Amino acid sequence: MSQRADGRALDRKNQAAYESRDISVADAKMCVRQADLLVDAARQRILSS
């Protein structure tokens, strides 16, 4: 990865860190619920194969 791309990746990472502090509790709960659903679906696929 080039130095320029590294800098952009770090900038995006820093931006995401700041933005994550600005989300509402309701949005955070919805994200966790979605993640739980994805994990459950992945587990079921693994167990059924």
N, C-alpha and C. Protein backbone atom coordinates (compact mmCIF):
# COMPACT_ATOMS: atom_id res chain seq x y z
N MET A 1 0.85 -1.18 0.00
CA MET A 1 0.00 0.00 0.00
C MET A 1 0.89 1.24 0.00
N SER A 2 0.50 2.20 -0.79
CA SER A 2 1.31 3.42 -0.88
C SER A 2 1.14 4.26 0.38
N GLN A 3 2.08 5.17 0.56
CA GLN A 3 2.02 6.05 1.73
C GLN A 3 0.77 6.91 1.69
N ARG A 4 0.39 7.32 0.50
CA ARG A 4 -0.81 8.15 0.35
C ARG A 4 -2.06 7.36 0.74
N ALA A 5 -2.15 6.12 0.29
CA ALA A 5 -3.29 5.28 0.63
C ALA A 5 -3.31 4.99 2.13
N ASP A 6 -2.13 4.78 2.72
CA ASP A 6 -2.05 4.58 4.17
C ASP A 6 -2.62 5.79 4.90
N GLY A 7 -2.26 6.97 4.45
CA GLY A 7 -2.74 8.19 5.08
C GLY A 7 -4.25 8.31 4.99
N ARG A 8 -4.79 7.96 3.80
CA ARG A 8 -6.24 8.01 3.64
C ARG A 8 -6.93 7.00 4.55
N ALA A 9 -6.36 5.80 4.65
CA ALA A 9 -6.95 4.77 5.50
C ALA A 9 -6.95 5.24 6.95
N LEU A 10 -5.86 5.85 7.38
CA LEU A 10 -5.81 6.36 8.75
C LEU A 10 -6.81 7.49 8.94
N ASP A 11 -6.93 8.37 7.95
CA ASP A 11 -7.90 9.46 8.04
C ASP A 11 -9.31 8.91 8.18
N ARG A 12 -9.65 7.89 7.39
CA ARG A 12 -10.98 7.29 7.45
C ARG A 12 -11.20 6.61 8.80
N LYS A 13 -10.14 5.97 9.32
CA LYS A 13 -10.24 5.31 10.62
C LYS A 13 -10.50 6.35 11.71
N ASN A 14 -9.76 7.46 11.66
CA ASN A 14 -9.97 8.53 12.64
C ASN A 14 -11.36 9.12 12.50
N GLN A 15 -11.80 9.32 11.27
CA GLN A 15 -13.14 9.87 11.04
C GLN A 15 -14.19 8.92 11.60
N ALA A 16 -14.04 7.64 11.38
CA ALA A 16 -14.99 6.66 11.90
C ALA A 16 -15.00 6.68 13.42
N ALA A 17 -13.85 6.85 14.03
CA ALA A 17 -13.79 6.89 15.50
C ALA A 17 -14.57 8.09 16.03
N TYR A 18 -14.45 9.23 15.37
CA TYR A 18 -15.20 10.40 15.82
C TYR A 18 -16.68 10.24 15.55
N GLU A 19 -17.01 9.74 14.38
CA GLU A 19 -18.43 9.59 14.03
C GLU A 19 -19.12 8.60 14.94
N SER A 20 -18.41 7.56 15.36
CA SER A 20 -19.05 6.54 16.19
C SER A 20 -19.49 7.12 17.53
N ARG A 21 -18.85 8.17 17.96
CA ARG A 21 -19.24 8.80 19.22
C ARG A 21 -20.51 9.63 19.06
N ASP A 22 -20.85 9.95 17.81
CA ASP A 22 -21.97 10.84 17.57
C ASP A 22 -23.28 10.10 17.27
N ILE A 23 -23.27 8.78 17.24
CA ILE A 23 -24.50 8.07 16.93
C ILE A 23 -25.38 7.99 18.17
N SER A 24 -26.66 7.90 17.94
CA SER A 24 -27.59 7.85 19.07
C SER A 24 -27.61 6.46 19.69
N VAL A 25 -28.14 6.37 20.87
CA VAL A 25 -28.27 5.08 21.56
C VAL A 25 -29.18 4.16 20.74
N ALA A 26 -30.24 4.71 20.18
CA ALA A 26 -31.17 3.90 19.38
C ALA A 26 -30.45 3.32 18.15
N ASP A 27 -29.63 4.14 17.49
CA ASP A 27 -28.87 3.66 16.33
C ASP A 27 -27.87 2.59 16.74
N ALA A 28 -27.23 2.77 17.86
CA ALA A 28 -26.27 1.78 18.34
C ALA A 28 -26.97 0.46 18.65
N LYS A 29 -28.13 0.53 19.28
CA LYS A 29 -28.88 -0.69 19.59
C LYS A 29 -29.29 -1.40 18.31
N MET A 30 -29.71 -0.64 17.30
CA MET A 30 -30.11 -1.24 16.03
C MET A 30 -28.91 -1.93 15.37
N CYS A 31 -27.74 -1.31 15.43
CA CYS A 31 -26.54 -1.92 14.85
C CYS A 31 -26.20 -3.23 15.56
N VAL A 32 -26.31 -3.24 16.88
CA VAL A 32 -26.02 -4.45 17.65
C VAL A 32 -27.03 -5.54 17.30
N ARG A 33 -28.30 -5.18 17.16
CA ARG A 33 -29.32 -6.16 16.78
C ARG A 33 -29.03 -6.76 15.41
N GLN A 34 -28.64 -5.90 14.48
CA GLN A 34 -28.30 -6.38 13.13
C GLN A 34 -27.09 -7.32 13.18
N ALA A 35 -26.10 -6.96 13.97
CA ALA A 35 -24.92 -7.80 14.09
C ALA A 35 -25.29 -9.15 14.71
N ASP A 36 -26.14 -9.13 15.72
CA ASP A 36 -26.59 -10.39 16.34
C ASP A 36 -27.31 -11.27 15.32
N LEU A 37 -28.14 -10.66 14.49
CA LEU A 37 -28.85 -11.44 13.46
C LEU A 37 -27.87 -12.06 12.47
N LEU A 38 -26.86 -11.29 12.07
CA LEU A 38 -25.87 -11.82 11.14
C LEU A 38 -25.06 -12.96 11.76
N VAL A 39 -24.69 -12.81 13.01
CA VAL A 39 -23.93 -13.86 13.70
C VAL A 39 -24.79 -15.12 13.82
N ASP A 40 -26.05 -14.96 14.20
CA ASP A 40 -26.95 -16.11 14.31
C ASP A 40 -27.11 -16.82 12.98
N ALA A 41 -27.29 -16.06 11.91
CA ALA A 41 -27.44 -16.65 10.58
C ALA A 41 -26.17 -17.40 10.17
N ALA A 42 -25.01 -16.82 10.47
CA ALA A 42 -23.75 -17.47 10.14
C ALA A 42 -23.59 -18.77 10.92
N ARG A 43 -23.94 -18.74 12.19
CA ARG A 43 -23.86 -19.96 13.01
C ARG A 43 -24.77 -21.06 12.44
N GLN A 44 -25.97 -20.68 12.08
CA GLN A 44 -26.90 -21.68 11.55
C GLN A 44 -26.38 -22.28 10.24
N ARG A 45 -25.78 -21.45 9.41
CA ARG A 45 -25.23 -21.98 8.15
C ARG A 45 -24.07 -22.93 8.41
N ILE A 46 -23.24 -22.59 9.38
CA ILE A 46 -22.11 -23.47 9.71
C ILE A 46 -22.62 -24.78 10.28
N LEU A 47 -23.58 -24.71 11.18
CA LEU A 47 -24.09 -25.92 11.83
C LEU A 47 -24.88 -26.80 10.86
N SER A 48 -25.49 -26.21 9.85
CA SER A 48 -26.30 -27.00 8.91
C SER A 48 -25.47 -27.60 7.78
N SER A 49 -24.21 -27.21 7.67
CA SER A 49 -23.39 -27.75 6.57
C SER A 49 -22.60 -28.97 6.99
